[in-house]
Structures are given as structure tokens and as C-alpha cells.
Amino acid sequence: MKIYTKTGDTGETSLFGGKRVKKSCLEIDVIGDVDETNALIGVVVSTLKKGEDVYAAKETLMTVQHRLFVIGSNIAAVQMNLGKMPQIVQADVQGLEDWIDAMEHELQPLRQFILPGGHEAAAHTFVARAICRRAERRYVDLVQKYPELNPLIGQYLNRLSDVLFVLARWINCKSGNDDVIWKK
């Protein structure tokens, strides 16, 4: 199978089921933001080194990457029967909440705004969080167009952006970097 098909040369692409849409349509925008979040998480995973305390996050982040593919596939299939598509379930959202709680037990309470940065993996995680927030905002628009979409997708994206924020702080803590407090 060739990676190029030339079918997108005129600015269109296909959703599941073959329906042609503009590459700039809302569905493709959201899929792109989810994909961008996933790609940045891949960068974070690649910076986690064996032997470092932060390496423990690798497996969970890879699970998140798989869930983001589920989300993208659901959006790509929004105009057809989603019965056979894998779904985000409540346990996926709960898993993110549990992960946040576990990491926060190791962190000092946050009392001020902090700046992104620190350890290389933390800096990339802060970027992934910002992109995930954009995906979440665009998803809100998409749900207005397709209210039949699984509401747990929005919850998952919301929790994921929280996870990525806490994870960046946790990575910094585990690697000996303090939060950088915003100076007003």
C-alpha cells in the first residue's frame, strides 16, 4: 500500500465510510488536534529514560496514546453507525483521575500559577497539555454539530489536559526541578 494516494491534492480527505470532506472542516480540525496531542505525548515518551524515576509514566502514556486513537476514530466515523467502533468508557476517565490523584500525593500543593519548563520531558508535556486544551475546545464545537458523540470523549480530553499539567509538575519534582512560580 502506498502512503500517497493523490486523492487529497484538491484539499479534501475522507472520513470513515468514504465521505469526502474539506481538510479544513471541523471534524478534521479536531482529529488534527487530537493527533497533535498524541504526537507530543510520543515525544514525551521518547524522552523518558530507563533508570529515571519519571520512566514509570511511559506505559501509562502509551495507553493514553491508544485512547487518543479511539477518540480520533470516533470523530472520523461520526457520520456513520458507531456501534462497532471502540469507545472511551468511564473506566478510561476514572483511570486518568486516579493517575492525577497518585501524582498529586507526591507534589506540594499548588498555590500560584507556574510557568512551563524544567526537565525536557516536562517541557514537552506542558506543550502537549496546551494542544490537548485546544482539542478540547474544538471538540466542544463538534459536539454541538454531532450531539450523538460519546460524552465521555469530552470528559477524557478534559481530564487528559489535567493529567498532562500534573504530569509535567511530577516529572519536574522527580527530576529535582522546582516549579517556576509566575512573578506578577
Protein backbone atom coordinates (compact mmCIF):
# COMPACT_ATOMS: atom_id res chain seq x y z
CA MET A 1 0.00 0.00 0.00
CA LYS A 2 1.38 3.38 -0.98
CA ILE A 3 1.30 6.19 1.60
CA TYR A 4 0.34 8.73 -1.02
CA THR A 5 -2.94 8.43 -2.86
CA LYS A 6 -3.13 11.84 -4.55
CA THR A 7 -6.80 11.98 -3.52
CA GLY A 8 -6.09 14.84 -1.13
CA ASP A 9 -4.38 17.08 -3.65
CA THR A 10 -7.50 19.22 -4.07
CA GLY A 11 -7.88 19.93 -0.34
CA GLU A 12 -10.24 17.08 0.52
CA THR A 13 -9.89 13.90 2.55
CA SER A 14 -12.12 11.01 3.54
CA LEU A 15 -13.85 10.22 6.79
CA PHE A 16 -14.64 6.60 7.71
CA GLY A 17 -17.20 5.32 5.25
CA GLY A 18 -15.55 7.22 2.41
CA LYS A 19 -17.39 10.54 2.67
CA ARG A 20 -15.20 13.29 1.20
CA VAL A 21 -14.78 16.43 3.29
CA LYS A 22 -12.65 19.56 3.17
CA LYS A 23 -9.37 19.19 5.06
CA SER A 24 -10.35 22.37 6.88
CA CYS A 25 -13.71 21.07 8.18
CA LEU A 26 -14.40 20.92 11.91
CA GLU A 27 -14.12 17.12 12.13
CA ILE A 28 -10.65 17.15 10.56
CA ASP A 29 -9.62 20.10 12.76
CA VAL A 30 -10.48 18.15 15.90
CA ILE A 31 -8.88 14.96 14.62
CA GLY A 32 -5.75 17.01 13.85
CA ASP A 33 -5.63 18.49 17.35
CA VAL A 34 -6.06 15.03 18.90
CA ASP A 35 -3.33 13.70 16.61
CA GLU A 36 -1.03 16.59 17.52
CA THR A 37 -1.61 15.87 21.23
CA ASN A 38 -0.79 12.22 20.58
CA ALA A 39 2.39 13.12 18.68
CA LEU A 40 3.63 15.32 21.53
CA ILE A 41 2.91 12.56 24.02
CA GLY A 42 5.08 10.36 21.78
CA VAL A 43 7.86 12.94 22.14
CA VAL A 44 7.43 12.87 25.93
CA VAL A 45 7.60 9.05 25.92
CA SER A 46 10.80 9.18 23.86
CA THR A 47 12.48 11.46 26.41
CA LEU A 48 11.74 9.19 29.40
CA LYS A 49 14.92 7.25 30.13
CA LYS A 50 15.20 3.87 31.84
CA GLY A 51 16.58 4.27 35.33
CA GLU A 52 14.96 7.67 35.88
CA ASP A 53 12.05 7.90 38.33
CA VAL A 54 9.96 9.50 35.59
CA TYR A 55 10.26 6.38 33.39
CA ALA A 56 7.31 4.95 35.36
CA ALA A 57 4.97 7.21 33.35
CA LYS A 58 5.90 5.64 29.99
CA GLU A 59 3.46 2.73 29.99
CA THR A 60 0.51 4.85 31.11
CA LEU A 61 1.29 7.48 28.48
CA MET A 62 1.34 4.79 25.80
CA THR A 63 -2.12 3.65 26.97
CA VAL A 64 -3.26 7.27 26.60
CA GLN A 65 -1.92 7.26 23.04
CA HIS A 66 -4.10 4.26 22.23
CA ARG A 67 -7.16 6.01 23.72
CA LEU A 68 -6.45 9.08 21.59
CA PHE A 69 -6.62 6.83 18.51
CA VAL A 70 -10.03 5.64 19.75
CA ILE A 71 -11.13 9.28 20.00
CA GLY A 72 -9.84 10.10 16.51
CA SER A 73 -11.58 7.07 15.03
CA ASN A 74 -14.87 8.02 16.69
CA ILE A 75 -14.67 11.52 15.25
CA ALA A 76 -13.74 10.20 11.80
CA ALA A 77 -16.77 7.88 11.94
CA VAL A 78 -19.23 10.42 13.32
CA GLN A 79 -21.35 10.36 10.18
CA MET A 80 -21.90 6.60 10.26
CA ASN A 81 -23.03 3.94 12.74
CA LEU A 82 -20.53 3.94 15.62
CA GLY A 83 -21.76 0.65 17.09
CA LYS A 84 -18.66 -1.28 16.03
CA MET A 85 -16.13 1.42 16.89
CA PRO A 86 -14.03 1.09 20.05
CA GLN A 87 -15.25 3.55 22.66
CA ILE A 88 -13.94 5.64 25.51
CA VAL A 89 -15.55 4.27 28.67
CA GLN A 90 -15.97 5.61 32.20
CA ALA A 91 -13.04 3.46 33.40
CA ASP A 92 -10.77 5.39 30.99
CA VAL A 93 -11.77 8.71 32.56
CA GLN A 94 -11.50 7.23 36.06
CA GLY A 95 -8.03 5.92 35.24
CA LEU A 96 -6.89 9.46 34.44
CA GLU A 97 -8.40 10.77 37.67
CA ASP A 98 -6.67 8.03 39.66
CA TRP A 99 -3.37 8.88 38.00
CA ILE A 100 -3.77 12.57 38.86
CA ASP A 101 -4.54 11.69 42.49
CA ALA A 102 -1.49 9.41 42.74
CA MET A 103 0.87 12.04 41.32
CA GLU A 104 -0.57 14.85 43.43
CA HIS A 105 0.19 12.87 46.59
CA GLU A 106 3.86 13.36 45.73
CA LEU A 107 3.61 17.08 44.93
CA GLN A 108 3.44 20.21 47.01
CA PRO A 109 0.00 21.87 46.80
CA LEU A 110 -0.15 24.43 44.03
CA ARG A 111 -0.87 27.90 45.38
CA GLN A 112 0.27 30.09 42.49
CA PHE A 113 0.46 30.00 38.72
CA ILE A 114 3.58 28.33 37.36
CA LEU A 115 5.49 28.68 34.12
CA PRO A 116 6.01 25.75 31.75
CA GLY A 117 9.52 24.34 31.59
CA GLY A 118 12.00 22.38 33.63
CA HIS A 119 13.05 18.86 32.65
CA GLU A 120 12.91 18.23 28.88
CA ALA A 121 10.05 15.73 29.28
CA ALA A 122 8.14 18.18 31.49
CA ALA A 123 8.54 20.99 28.96
CA HIS A 124 7.16 18.77 26.19
CA THR A 125 4.34 17.67 28.49
CA PHE A 126 3.33 21.30 29.07
CA VAL A 127 3.13 21.75 25.27
CA ALA A 128 1.04 18.58 24.94
CA ARG A 129 -1.31 19.97 27.60
CA ALA A 130 -1.80 23.20 25.68
CA ILE A 131 -2.56 21.30 22.46
CA CYS A 132 -4.93 18.97 24.33
CA ARG A 133 -6.80 22.04 25.63
CA ARG A 134 -7.18 23.23 22.04
CA ALA A 135 -8.52 19.81 21.03
CA GLU A 136 -10.99 20.01 23.90
CA ARG A 137 -12.18 23.48 22.87
CA ARG A 138 -12.70 22.39 19.27
CA TYR A 139 -14.42 19.20 20.45
CA VAL A 140 -17.00 21.36 22.26
CA ASP A 141 -17.88 22.90 18.87
CA LEU A 142 -18.02 19.44 17.29
CA VAL A 143 -20.49 18.12 19.88
CA GLN A 144 -22.85 20.98 19.01
CA LYS A 145 -22.82 19.70 15.43
CA TYR A 146 -22.96 16.00 16.42
CA PRO A 147 -24.63 15.64 19.84
CA GLU A 148 -24.67 11.85 19.40
CA LEU A 149 -20.90 11.72 20.04
CA ASN A 150 -19.90 9.89 23.20
CA PRO A 151 -19.87 12.49 26.03
CA LEU A 152 -17.00 10.62 27.65
CA ILE A 153 -14.72 11.84 24.85
CA GLY A 154 -15.04 15.41 26.12
CA GLN A 155 -14.52 14.26 29.69
CA TYR A 156 -11.45 12.27 28.65
CA LEU A 157 -9.88 15.23 26.85
CA ASN A 158 -10.61 17.47 29.85
CA ARG A 159 -9.02 15.01 32.30
CA LEU A 160 -6.12 14.40 29.95
CA SER A 161 -5.19 18.07 29.90
CA ASP A 162 -5.28 17.97 33.73
CA VAL A 163 -3.13 14.82 33.71
CA LEU A 164 -0.58 16.46 31.44
CA PHE A 165 -0.33 19.51 33.71
CA VAL A 166 0.13 17.39 36.83
CA LEU A 167 2.47 15.03 34.99
CA ALA A 168 4.72 17.92 33.97
CA ARG A 169 4.91 19.03 37.60
CA TRP A 170 5.51 15.43 38.73
CA ILE A 171 8.31 14.95 36.18
CA ASN A 172 9.93 18.16 37.38
CA CYS A 173 9.60 17.11 41.02
CA LYS A 174 11.02 13.62 40.36
CA SER A 175 13.93 15.06 38.40
CA GLY A 176 14.80 17.69 41.00
CA ASN A 177 13.31 20.73 39.25
CA ASP A 178 11.16 23.12 41.27
CA ASP A 179 8.01 24.69 39.86
CA VAL A 180 8.83 28.09 38.34
CA ILE A 181 6.42 30.50 40.02
CA TRP A 182 4.93 33.22 37.85
CA LYS A 183 6.18 36.63 39.02
CA LYS A 184 3.36 39.13 38.76
